[in-house]
Amino acid sequence: MLRKADKQQTIFSILYNKIPDNHVLKLINSAVNFSFVNELLKKSYCENFGRPAKEPEMMVKLCILQYLYSLSNVKVIEEGNINLAYMWFLGINPEEELPEASLLTKFRTQRLKDISLDEIIKEVVRQCVEKGIINEKSISIDVTHTEANTIKKVPKRIMKHLAKKIFKEIEKENPKLL
């Protein structure tokens, strides 16, 4: 069941004033409105039955934290429970607890199964283009170096190599034939 939780801050939320305005999570949060996530994933949740679900927006933000800081499911929950900047980004009060780490896996496998992460990423990129953070006329190219499999002699490569040699020899001896 998807619940609509009030985002009332407690007295402990004053601690969030310690987070500098130029912190990367504050910059991301000011650039991207993540409220579209709840609407996008609305069909993955039952409105009337079951126990209240964790907010999809918060779960996506947990996934973003995992990516940004190379954290495992367990580590992102541990860090999220003690790091003020993470708590602020996730939209929880300092005294609130985050869900169990296993819920992140369930979220990715059960809630995101019908929705591609590409749709979420497209919307984030669209918002960034709209705000001028990303130039829509630029092109990004992945130039990751990978080891090519060109040395390994497999039958298909051997046959192609031999065929090329045969055609070159025939062309030398009788160019009119080809």
N, C-alpha and C. Protein backbone atom coordinates (compact mmCIF):
# COMPACT_ATOMS: atom_id res chain seq x y z
N MET A 1 0.85 -1.17 0.00
CA MET A 1 0.00 0.00 0.00
C MET A 1 0.90 1.24 0.00
N LEU A 2 0.63 2.14 -0.92
CA LEU A 2 1.40 3.37 -1.01
C LEU A 2 0.75 4.41 -0.11
N ARG A 3 1.52 4.97 0.79
CA ARG A 3 0.96 5.93 1.73
C ARG A 3 1.43 7.33 1.41
N LYS A 4 0.68 8.27 1.82
CA LYS A 4 1.06 9.67 1.66
C LYS A 4 1.51 10.15 3.03
N ALA A 5 2.81 10.26 3.20
CA ALA A 5 3.36 10.62 4.51
C ALA A 5 3.57 12.13 4.59
N ASP A 6 3.23 12.69 5.74
CA ASP A 6 3.52 14.09 5.99
C ASP A 6 5.01 14.22 6.23
N LYS A 7 5.58 15.28 5.68
CA LYS A 7 7.02 15.50 5.82
C LYS A 7 7.30 16.53 6.92
N GLN A 8 6.65 16.36 8.05
CA GLN A 8 6.83 17.30 9.15
C GLN A 8 8.20 17.09 9.77
N GLN A 9 8.93 18.18 9.89
CA GLN A 9 10.25 18.09 10.48
C GLN A 9 10.16 18.19 12.00
N THR A 10 11.07 17.50 12.65
CA THR A 10 11.12 17.52 14.11
C THR A 10 12.16 18.53 14.56
N ILE A 11 12.27 18.67 15.84
CA ILE A 11 13.24 19.61 16.41
C ILE A 11 14.68 19.22 16.05
N PHE A 12 14.90 17.93 15.83
CA PHE A 12 16.24 17.46 15.50
C PHE A 12 16.65 17.83 14.07
N SER A 13 15.69 18.24 13.26
CA SER A 13 15.98 18.60 11.87
C SER A 13 16.84 19.84 11.76
N ILE A 14 16.98 20.59 12.85
CA ILE A 14 17.85 21.76 12.85
C ILE A 14 19.30 21.36 12.56
N LEU A 15 19.62 20.09 12.81
CA LEU A 15 20.96 19.59 12.53
C LEU A 15 21.30 19.67 11.04
N TYR A 16 20.27 19.67 10.19
CA TYR A 16 20.50 19.74 8.75
C TYR A 16 21.14 21.06 8.33
N ASN A 17 21.08 22.08 9.18
CA ASN A 17 21.71 23.36 8.88
C ASN A 17 23.23 23.24 8.82
N LYS A 18 23.78 22.17 9.37
CA LYS A 18 25.22 21.94 9.34
C LYS A 18 25.72 21.50 7.96
N ILE A 19 24.81 21.03 7.11
CA ILE A 19 25.20 20.57 5.78
C ILE A 19 25.42 21.80 4.89
N PRO A 20 26.61 21.93 4.30
CA PRO A 20 26.88 23.11 3.46
C PRO A 20 26.00 23.14 2.21
N ASP A 21 25.72 24.34 1.74
CA ASP A 21 24.86 24.50 0.56
C ASP A 21 25.48 23.94 -0.71
N ASN A 22 26.81 23.83 -0.74
CA ASN A 22 27.47 23.31 -1.95
C ASN A 22 27.72 21.79 -1.88
N HIS A 23 27.10 21.13 -0.92
CA HIS A 23 27.24 19.67 -0.83
C HIS A 23 26.58 19.04 -2.05
N VAL A 24 27.20 18.00 -2.60
CA VAL A 24 26.73 17.40 -3.84
C VAL A 24 25.27 16.93 -3.75
N LEU A 25 24.87 16.42 -2.62
CA LEU A 25 23.49 15.96 -2.47
C LEU A 25 22.50 17.11 -2.46
N LYS A 26 22.90 18.25 -1.90
CA LYS A 26 22.03 19.43 -1.95
C LYS A 26 21.93 19.95 -3.37
N LEU A 27 23.03 19.90 -4.10
CA LEU A 27 23.01 20.35 -5.49
C LEU A 27 22.12 19.46 -6.35
N ILE A 28 22.23 18.15 -6.14
CA ILE A 28 21.38 17.20 -6.90
C ILE A 28 19.91 17.45 -6.55
N ASN A 29 19.62 17.59 -5.28
CA ASN A 29 18.23 17.77 -4.85
C ASN A 29 17.64 19.08 -5.36
N SER A 30 18.47 20.12 -5.47
CA SER A 30 17.96 21.40 -5.98
C SER A 30 17.75 21.35 -7.49
N ALA A 31 18.47 20.46 -8.17
CA ALA A 31 18.36 20.38 -9.63
C ALA A 31 17.25 19.44 -10.10
N VAL A 32 16.97 18.40 -9.34
CA VAL A 32 16.04 17.37 -9.79
C VAL A 32 14.87 17.25 -8.81
N ASN A 33 13.67 17.27 -9.36
CA ASN A 33 12.47 17.04 -8.57
C ASN A 33 12.11 15.56 -8.71
N PHE A 34 12.32 14.81 -7.66
CA PHE A 34 12.13 13.36 -7.71
C PHE A 34 10.68 12.93 -7.49
N SER A 35 9.76 13.86 -7.38
CA SER A 35 8.37 13.49 -7.10
C SER A 35 7.76 12.67 -8.24
N PHE A 36 8.32 12.75 -9.44
CA PHE A 36 7.81 11.96 -10.57
C PHE A 36 7.92 10.46 -10.33
N VAL A 37 8.84 10.06 -9.46
CA VAL A 37 9.07 8.63 -9.19
C VAL A 37 7.82 7.99 -8.58
N ASN A 38 7.20 8.67 -7.63
CA ASN A 38 6.00 8.13 -7.00
C ASN A 38 4.89 7.90 -8.02
N GLU A 39 4.72 8.85 -8.92
CA GLU A 39 3.68 8.72 -9.96
C GLU A 39 4.03 7.61 -10.94
N LEU A 40 5.29 7.52 -11.31
CA LEU A 40 5.75 6.51 -12.26
C LEU A 40 5.56 5.10 -11.73
N LEU A 41 5.78 4.91 -10.44
CA LEU A 41 5.70 3.59 -9.83
C LEU A 41 4.36 3.32 -9.14
N LYS A 42 3.41 4.20 -9.31
CA LYS A 42 2.12 4.07 -8.64
C LYS A 42 1.44 2.73 -8.92
N LYS A 43 1.56 2.24 -10.15
CA LYS A 43 0.91 0.98 -10.53
C LYS A 43 1.57 -0.24 -9.89
N SER A 44 2.76 -0.08 -9.37
CA SER A 44 3.47 -1.19 -8.72
C SER A 44 3.00 -1.44 -7.29
N TYR A 45 2.17 -0.55 -6.79
CA TYR A 45 1.70 -0.63 -5.40
C TYR A 45 0.18 -0.69 -5.36
N CYS A 46 -0.34 -1.31 -4.33
CA CYS A 46 -1.78 -1.37 -4.08
C CYS A 46 -2.14 -0.17 -3.21
N GLU A 47 -3.20 0.55 -3.58
CA GLU A 47 -3.57 1.75 -2.83
C GLU A 47 -4.32 1.43 -1.53
N ASN A 48 -5.06 0.33 -1.52
CA ASN A 48 -5.97 0.09 -0.40
C ASN A 48 -5.57 -1.05 0.54
N PHE A 49 -4.79 -1.98 0.07
CA PHE A 49 -4.52 -3.16 0.88
C PHE A 49 -3.03 -3.29 1.20
N GLY A 50 -2.77 -4.01 2.27
CA GLY A 50 -1.39 -4.28 2.66
C GLY A 50 -0.87 -3.26 3.64
N ARG A 51 0.31 -3.54 4.13
CA ARG A 51 0.91 -2.60 5.07
C ARG A 51 1.53 -1.44 4.28
N PRO A 52 1.73 -0.32 4.93
CA PRO A 52 2.28 0.85 4.22
C PRO A 52 3.67 0.55 3.64
N ALA A 53 3.86 0.93 2.40
CA ALA A 53 5.13 0.69 1.72
C ALA A 53 6.08 1.86 1.97
N LYS A 54 7.34 1.60 1.79
CA LYS A 54 8.32 2.68 1.84
C LYS A 54 8.16 3.50 0.57
N GLU A 55 8.33 4.78 0.70
CA GLU A 55 8.10 5.69 -0.41
C GLU A 55 9.07 5.40 -1.57
N PRO A 56 8.56 5.22 -2.78
CA PRO A 56 9.41 4.93 -3.94
C PRO A 56 10.48 6.00 -4.18
N GLU A 57 10.13 7.25 -3.93
CA GLU A 57 11.11 8.33 -4.11
C GLU A 57 12.33 8.12 -3.22
N MET A 58 12.08 7.74 -1.97
CA MET A 58 13.18 7.49 -1.04
C MET A 58 13.99 6.27 -1.48
N MET A 59 13.31 5.25 -1.98
CA MET A 59 14.01 4.04 -2.41
C MET A 59 14.91 4.33 -3.62
N VAL A 60 14.42 5.14 -4.55
CA VAL A 60 15.24 5.53 -5.70
C VAL A 60 16.43 6.36 -5.24
N LYS A 61 16.20 7.24 -4.29
CA LYS A 61 17.30 8.05 -3.76
C LYS A 61 18.35 7.17 -3.07
N LEU A 62 17.90 6.11 -2.40
CA LEU A 62 18.86 5.16 -1.81
C LEU A 62 19.71 4.52 -2.91
N CYS A 63 19.08 4.17 -4.01
CA CYS A 63 19.81 3.59 -5.15
C CYS A 63 20.81 4.59 -5.72
N ILE A 64 20.44 5.86 -5.74
CA ILE A 64 21.35 6.91 -6.22
C ILE A 64 22.54 7.03 -5.28
N LEU A 65 22.28 7.00 -3.97
CA LEU A 65 23.38 7.04 -3.00
C LEU A 65 24.32 5.85 -3.18
N GLN A 66 23.73 4.68 -3.43
CA GLN A 66 24.55 3.49 -3.67
C GLN A 66 25.48 3.72 -4.85
N TYR A 67 24.94 4.27 -5.92
CA TYR A 67 25.74 4.50 -7.12
C TYR A 67 26.80 5.58 -6.89
N LEU A 68 26.40 6.69 -6.30
CA LEU A 68 27.33 7.81 -6.11
C LEU A 68 28.52 7.44 -5.23
N TYR A 69 28.25 6.67 -4.18
CA TYR A 69 29.30 6.39 -3.20
C TYR A 69 29.76 4.94 -3.20
N SER A 70 29.38 4.17 -4.22
CA SER A 70 29.78 2.76 -4.36
C SER A 70 29.51 1.97 -3.08
N LEU A 71 28.27 1.97 -2.65
CA LEU A 71 27.89 1.30 -1.42
C LEU A 71 27.03 0.07 -1.71
N SER A 72 27.15 -0.92 -0.85
CA SER A 72 26.30 -2.10 -0.94
C SER A 72 24.95 -1.77 -0.32
N ASN A 73 23.99 -2.68 -0.43
CA ASN A 73 22.68 -2.47 0.19
C ASN A 73 22.82 -2.25 1.70
N VAL A 74 23.61 -3.09 2.34
CA VAL A 74 23.78 -3.00 3.79
C VAL A 74 24.49 -1.69 4.16
N LYS A 75 25.53 -1.36 3.43
CA LYS A 75 26.32 -0.17 3.75
C LYS A 75 25.53 1.12 3.55
N VAL A 76 24.71 1.19 2.49
CA VAL A 76 23.94 2.42 2.25
C VAL A 76 22.92 2.63 3.37
N ILE A 77 22.35 1.56 3.91
CA ILE A 77 21.41 1.68 5.02
C ILE A 77 22.16 2.09 6.29
N GLU A 78 23.32 1.48 6.54
CA GLU A 78 24.12 1.85 7.71
C GLU A 78 24.51 3.33 7.65
N GLU A 79 25.04 3.75 6.50
CA GLU A 79 25.47 5.14 6.33
C GLU A 79 24.28 6.10 6.38
N GLY A 80 23.17 5.68 5.80
CA GLY A 80 21.97 6.51 5.79
C GLY A 80 21.41 6.75 7.18
N ASN A 81 21.66 5.83 8.09
CA ASN A 81 21.18 5.99 9.47
C ASN A 81 22.07 6.89 10.32
N ILE A 82 23.29 7.19 9.85
CA ILE A 82 24.19 8.03 10.66
C ILE A 82 24.67 9.30 9.95
N ASN A 83 24.58 9.36 8.63
CA ASN A 83 25.09 10.50 7.88
C ASN A 83 23.97 11.53 7.70
N LEU A 84 24.16 12.73 8.22
CA LEU A 84 23.13 13.77 8.15
C LEU A 84 22.80 14.17 6.71
N ALA A 85 23.81 14.26 5.87
CA ALA A 85 23.57 14.64 4.47
C ALA A 85 22.72 13.59 3.76
N TYR A 86 22.98 12.32 4.04
CA TYR A 86 22.17 11.24 3.44
C TYR A 86 20.73 11.35 3.93
N MET A 87 20.55 11.57 5.25
CA MET A 87 19.20 11.68 5.81
C MET A 87 18.45 12.83 5.16
N TRP A 88 19.12 13.98 5.03
CA TRP A 88 18.49 15.14 4.43
C TRP A 88 18.08 14.83 2.99
N PHE A 89 18.98 14.21 2.23
CA PHE A 89 18.70 13.87 0.83
C PHE A 89 17.53 12.91 0.72
N LEU A 90 17.46 11.95 1.65
CA LEU A 90 16.39 10.95 1.63
C LEU A 90 15.05 11.50 2.13
N GLY A 91 15.08 12.66 2.78
CA GLY A 91 13.85 13.27 3.26
C GLY A 91 13.33 12.66 4.55
N ILE A 92 14.23 12.15 5.38
CA ILE A 92 13.80 11.60 6.66
C ILE A 92 14.32 12.49 7.79
N ASN A 93 13.69 12.39 8.93
CA ASN A 93 14.15 13.10 10.11
C ASN A 93 15.29 12.32 10.76
N PRO A 94 16.19 13.01 11.47
CA PRO A 94 17.35 12.33 12.06
C PRO A 94 17.02 11.16 12.98
N GLU A 95 15.86 11.18 13.63
CA GLU A 95 15.54 10.08 14.54
C GLU A 95 14.84 8.91 13.84
N GLU A 96 14.49 9.06 12.58
CA GLU A 96 13.81 7.98 11.86
C GLU A 96 14.80 6.91 11.40
N GLU A 97 14.29 5.70 11.30
CA GLU A 97 15.10 4.57 10.84
C GLU A 97 14.81 4.29 9.37
N LEU A 98 15.81 3.83 8.68
CA LEU A 98 15.64 3.41 7.28
C LEU A 98 15.19 1.95 7.24
N PRO A 99 14.67 1.49 6.12
CA PRO A 99 14.22 0.10 6.03
C PRO A 99 15.40 -0.87 6.05
N GLU A 100 15.08 -2.14 6.19
CA GLU A 100 16.10 -3.18 6.13
C GLU A 100 16.76 -3.18 4.75
N ALA A 101 18.02 -3.59 4.70
CA ALA A 101 18.76 -3.60 3.45
C ALA A 101 18.13 -4.51 2.40
N SER A 102 17.49 -5.59 2.84
CA SER A 102 16.88 -6.53 1.90
C SER A 102 15.73 -5.89 1.13
N LEU A 103 15.14 -4.82 1.68
CA LEU A 103 14.04 -4.15 1.00
C LEU A 103 14.50 -3.46 -0.28
N LEU A 104 15.77 -3.07 -0.33
CA LEU A 104 16.31 -2.48 -1.56
C LEU A 104 16.31 -3.49 -2.70
N THR A 105 16.69 -4.70 -2.40
CA THR A 105 16.68 -5.76 -3.42
C THR A 105 15.26 -6.03 -3.88
N LYS A 106 14.33 -6.13 -2.93
CA LYS A 106 12.93 -6.35 -3.27
C LYS A 106 12.39 -5.21 -4.11
N PHE A 107 12.79 -3.98 -3.77
CA PHE A 107 12.34 -2.82 -4.54
C PHE A 107 12.81 -2.91 -5.99
N ARG A 108 14.07 -3.26 -6.18
CA ARG A 108 14.60 -3.35 -7.54
C ARG A 108 13.98 -4.49 -8.33
N THR A 109 13.76 -5.63 -7.68
CA THR A 109 13.26 -6.80 -8.40
C THR A 109 11.74 -6.81 -8.55
N GLN A 110 11.00 -6.31 -7.57
CA GLN A 110 9.54 -6.39 -7.61
C GLN A 110 8.88 -5.09 -8.06
N ARG A 111 9.35 -3.97 -7.59
CA ARG A 111 8.70 -2.70 -7.93
C ARG A 111 9.19 -2.12 -9.25
N LEU A 112 10.45 -2.31 -9.54
CA LEU A 112 11.01 -1.77 -10.78
C LEU A 112 10.95 -2.76 -11.94
N LYS A 113 10.30 -3.90 -11.75
CA LYS A 113 10.31 -4.92 -12.81
C LYS A 113 9.57 -4.46 -14.06
N ASP A 114 8.48 -3.70 -13.91
CA ASP A 114 7.73 -3.21 -15.06
C ASP A 114 8.24 -1.87 -15.56
N ILE A 115 8.96 -1.17 -14.72
CA ILE A 115 9.49 0.14 -15.07
C ILE A 115 10.99 0.02 -15.26
N SER A 116 11.44 0.48 -16.39
CA SER A 116 12.87 0.44 -16.66
C SER A 116 13.54 1.59 -15.92
N LEU A 117 14.73 1.34 -15.39
CA LEU A 117 15.49 2.42 -14.77
C LEU A 117 15.80 3.50 -15.80
N ASP A 118 15.80 3.11 -17.09
CA ASP A 118 16.03 4.08 -18.15
C ASP A 118 14.98 5.19 -18.12
N GLU A 119 13.73 4.85 -17.80
CA GLU A 119 12.68 5.85 -17.73
C GLU A 119 12.96 6.87 -16.63
N ILE A 120 13.45 6.38 -15.51
CA ILE A 120 13.79 7.27 -14.40
C ILE A 120 14.97 8.15 -14.78
N ILE A 121 15.98 7.53 -15.38
CA ILE A 121 17.17 8.28 -15.79
C ILE A 121 16.82 9.31 -16.86
N LYS A 122 15.96 8.95 -17.81
CA LYS A 122 15.53 9.90 -18.86
C LYS A 122 14.88 11.13 -18.24
N GLU A 123 14.04 10.92 -17.25
CA GLU A 123 13.36 12.05 -16.61
C GLU A 123 14.36 12.92 -15.85
N VAL A 124 15.31 12.30 -15.17
CA VAL A 124 16.33 13.08 -14.46
C VAL A 124 17.15 13.89 -15.46
N VAL A 125 17.55 13.27 -16.56
CA VAL A 125 18.32 13.98 -17.60
C VAL A 125 17.48 15.10 -18.20
N ARG A 126 16.18 14.84 -18.45
CA ARG A 126 15.31 15.86 -19.02
C ARG A 126 15.25 17.09 -18.10
N GLN A 127 15.13 16.85 -16.80
CA GLN A 127 15.08 17.95 -15.85
C GLN A 127 16.40 18.72 -15.83
N CYS A 128 17.50 17.99 -15.94
CA CYS A 128 18.81 18.65 -15.95
C CYS A 128 19.00 19.49 -17.21
N VAL A 129 18.53 18.99 -18.34
CA VAL A 129 18.60 19.76 -19.60
C VAL A 129 17.74 21.01 -19.48
N GLU A 130 16.54 20.83 -18.92
CA GLU A 130 15.61 21.94 -18.75
C GLU A 130 16.21 23.05 -17.89
N LYS A 131 16.99 22.67 -16.89
CA LYS A 131 17.58 23.66 -15.99
C LYS A 131 18.95 24.14 -16.45
N GLY A 132 19.41 23.61 -17.60
CA GLY A 132 20.68 24.07 -18.15
C GLY A 132 21.90 23.41 -17.55
N ILE A 133 21.71 22.37 -16.77
CA ILE A 133 22.84 21.67 -16.16
C ILE A 133 23.54 20.82 -17.22
N ILE A 134 22.74 20.24 -18.10
CA ILE A 134 23.26 19.43 -19.21
C ILE A 134 22.93 20.15 -20.49
N ASN A 135 23.91 20.29 -21.38
CA ASN A 135 23.71 20.91 -22.67
C ASN A 135 23.11 19.88 -23.61
N GLU A 136 21.93 20.13 -24.14
CA GLU A 136 21.24 19.13 -24.95
C GLU A 136 21.90 18.92 -26.31
N LYS A 137 22.86 19.76 -26.68
CA LYS A 137 23.52 19.60 -27.97
C LYS A 137 24.83 18.83 -27.87
N SER A 138 25.19 18.44 -26.68
CA SER A 138 26.45 17.71 -26.51
C SER A 138 26.23 16.21 -26.68
N ILE A 139 27.31 15.53 -26.97
CA ILE A 139 27.27 14.07 -27.15
C ILE A 139 28.30 13.46 -26.22
N SER A 140 27.90 12.41 -25.53
CA SER A 140 28.82 11.68 -24.67
C SER A 140 29.15 10.36 -25.32
N ILE A 141 30.42 10.03 -25.29
CA ILE A 141 30.86 8.77 -25.89
C ILE A 141 31.63 7.99 -24.85
N ASP A 142 31.29 6.72 -24.72
CA ASP A 142 31.99 5.85 -23.79
C ASP A 142 33.27 5.38 -24.46
N VAL A 143 34.40 5.70 -23.86
CA VAL A 143 35.68 5.30 -24.43
C VAL A 143 36.41 4.33 -23.51
N THR A 144 35.66 3.46 -22.90
CA THR A 144 36.23 2.47 -22.01
C THR A 144 37.11 1.53 -22.80
N HIS A 145 38.31 1.29 -22.30
CA HIS A 145 39.22 0.37 -22.97
C HIS A 145 38.86 -1.07 -22.59
N THR A 146 38.71 -1.90 -23.59
CA THR A 146 38.47 -3.31 -23.35
C THR A 146 39.43 -4.11 -24.19
N GLU A 147 39.77 -5.26 -23.70
CA GLU A 147 40.68 -6.12 -24.43
C GLU A 147 39.92 -6.85 -25.51
N ALA A 148 40.36 -6.66 -26.74
CA ALA A 148 39.69 -7.30 -27.87
C ALA A 148 40.14 -8.75 -27.99
N ASN A 149 39.27 -9.55 -28.54
CA ASN A 149 39.56 -10.97 -28.70
C ASN A 149 40.01 -11.22 -30.15
N THR A 150 41.10 -10.57 -30.55
CA THR A 150 41.54 -10.69 -31.95
C THR A 150 42.65 -11.72 -32.13
N ILE A 151 43.32 -12.07 -31.08
CA ILE A 151 44.45 -12.99 -31.21
C ILE A 151 43.98 -14.45 -31.19
N LYS A 152 42.95 -14.72 -30.46
CA LYS A 152 42.47 -16.09 -30.31
C LYS A 152 42.09 -16.68 -31.67
N LYS A 153 42.66 -17.83 -31.97
CA LYS A 153 42.42 -18.46 -33.26
C LYS A 153 41.25 -19.43 -33.16
N VAL A 154 40.13 -18.97 -33.67
CA VAL A 154 38.96 -19.82 -33.72
C VAL A 154 38.77 -20.24 -35.19
N PRO A 155 38.11 -21.35 -35.45
CA PRO A 155 37.97 -21.84 -36.83
C PRO A 155 37.44 -20.80 -37.81
N LYS A 156 36.48 -20.02 -37.40
CA LYS A 156 35.90 -19.02 -38.31
C LYS A 156 36.95 -17.99 -38.74
N ARG A 157 37.78 -17.53 -37.79
CA ARG A 157 38.83 -16.55 -38.12
C ARG A 157 39.91 -17.18 -39.00
N ILE A 158 40.25 -18.41 -38.70
CA ILE A 158 41.27 -19.10 -39.50
C ILE A 158 40.79 -19.23 -40.95
N MET A 159 39.52 -19.61 -41.13
CA MET A 159 38.98 -19.77 -42.48
C MET A 159 38.95 -18.43 -43.22
N LYS A 160 38.56 -17.36 -42.56
CA LYS A 160 38.53 -16.04 -43.20
C LYS A 160 39.94 -15.62 -43.61
N HIS A 161 40.91 -15.86 -42.73
CA HIS A 161 42.29 -15.50 -43.01
C HIS A 161 42.82 -16.29 -44.22
N LEU A 162 42.54 -17.59 -44.25
CA LEU A 162 42.98 -18.42 -45.37
C LEU A 162 42.29 -18.00 -46.67
N ALA A 163 41.01 -17.69 -46.61
CA ALA A 163 40.28 -17.26 -47.81
C ALA A 163 40.87 -15.98 -48.37
N LYS A 164 41.23 -15.03 -47.52
CA LYS A 164 41.86 -13.79 -47.98
C LYS A 164 43.18 -14.08 -48.68
N LYS A 165 43.98 -14.97 -48.11
CA LYS A 165 45.26 -15.32 -48.72
C LYS A 165 45.05 -15.97 -50.09
N ILE A 166 44.08 -16.86 -50.17
CA ILE A 166 43.80 -17.55 -51.44
C ILE A 166 43.38 -16.54 -52.50
N PHE A 167 42.47 -15.62 -52.16
CA PHE A 167 42.02 -14.61 -53.12
C PHE A 167 43.16 -13.70 -53.56
N LYS A 168 44.07 -13.34 -52.67
CA LYS A 168 45.21 -12.50 -53.03
C LYS A 168 46.12 -13.22 -54.01
N GLU A 169 46.38 -14.50 -53.77
CA GLU A 169 47.24 -15.28 -54.66
C GLU A 169 46.61 -15.44 -56.04
N ILE A 170 45.29 -15.71 -56.06
CA ILE A 170 44.59 -15.85 -57.36
C ILE A 170 44.65 -14.53 -58.11
N GLU A 171 44.47 -13.44 -57.41
CA GLU A 171 44.49 -12.13 -58.05
C GLU A 171 45.87 -11.83 -58.63
N LYS A 172 46.93 -12.23 -57.95
CA LYS A 172 48.31 -12.03 -58.47
C LYS A 172 48.54 -12.85 -59.73
N GLU A 173 48.11 -14.11 -59.71
CA GLU A 173 48.36 -14.99 -60.84
C GLU A 173 47.43 -14.70 -62.03
N ASN A 174 46.17 -14.45 -61.77
CA ASN A 174 45.25 -14.24 -62.88
C ASN A 174 44.22 -13.18 -62.47
N PRO A 175 44.55 -11.88 -62.63
CA PRO A 175 43.67 -10.81 -62.19
C PRO A 175 42.32 -10.79 -62.91
N LYS A 176 42.26 -11.33 -64.15
CA LYS A 176 41.00 -11.33 -64.91
C LYS A 176 39.99 -12.30 -64.33
N LEU A 177 40.46 -13.31 -63.64
CA LEU A 177 39.57 -14.34 -63.11
C LEU A 177 38.62 -13.77 -62.05
N LEU A 178 39.10 -12.85 -61.23
CA LEU A 178 38.26 -12.26 -60.19
C LEU A 178 37.57 -11.04 -60.75
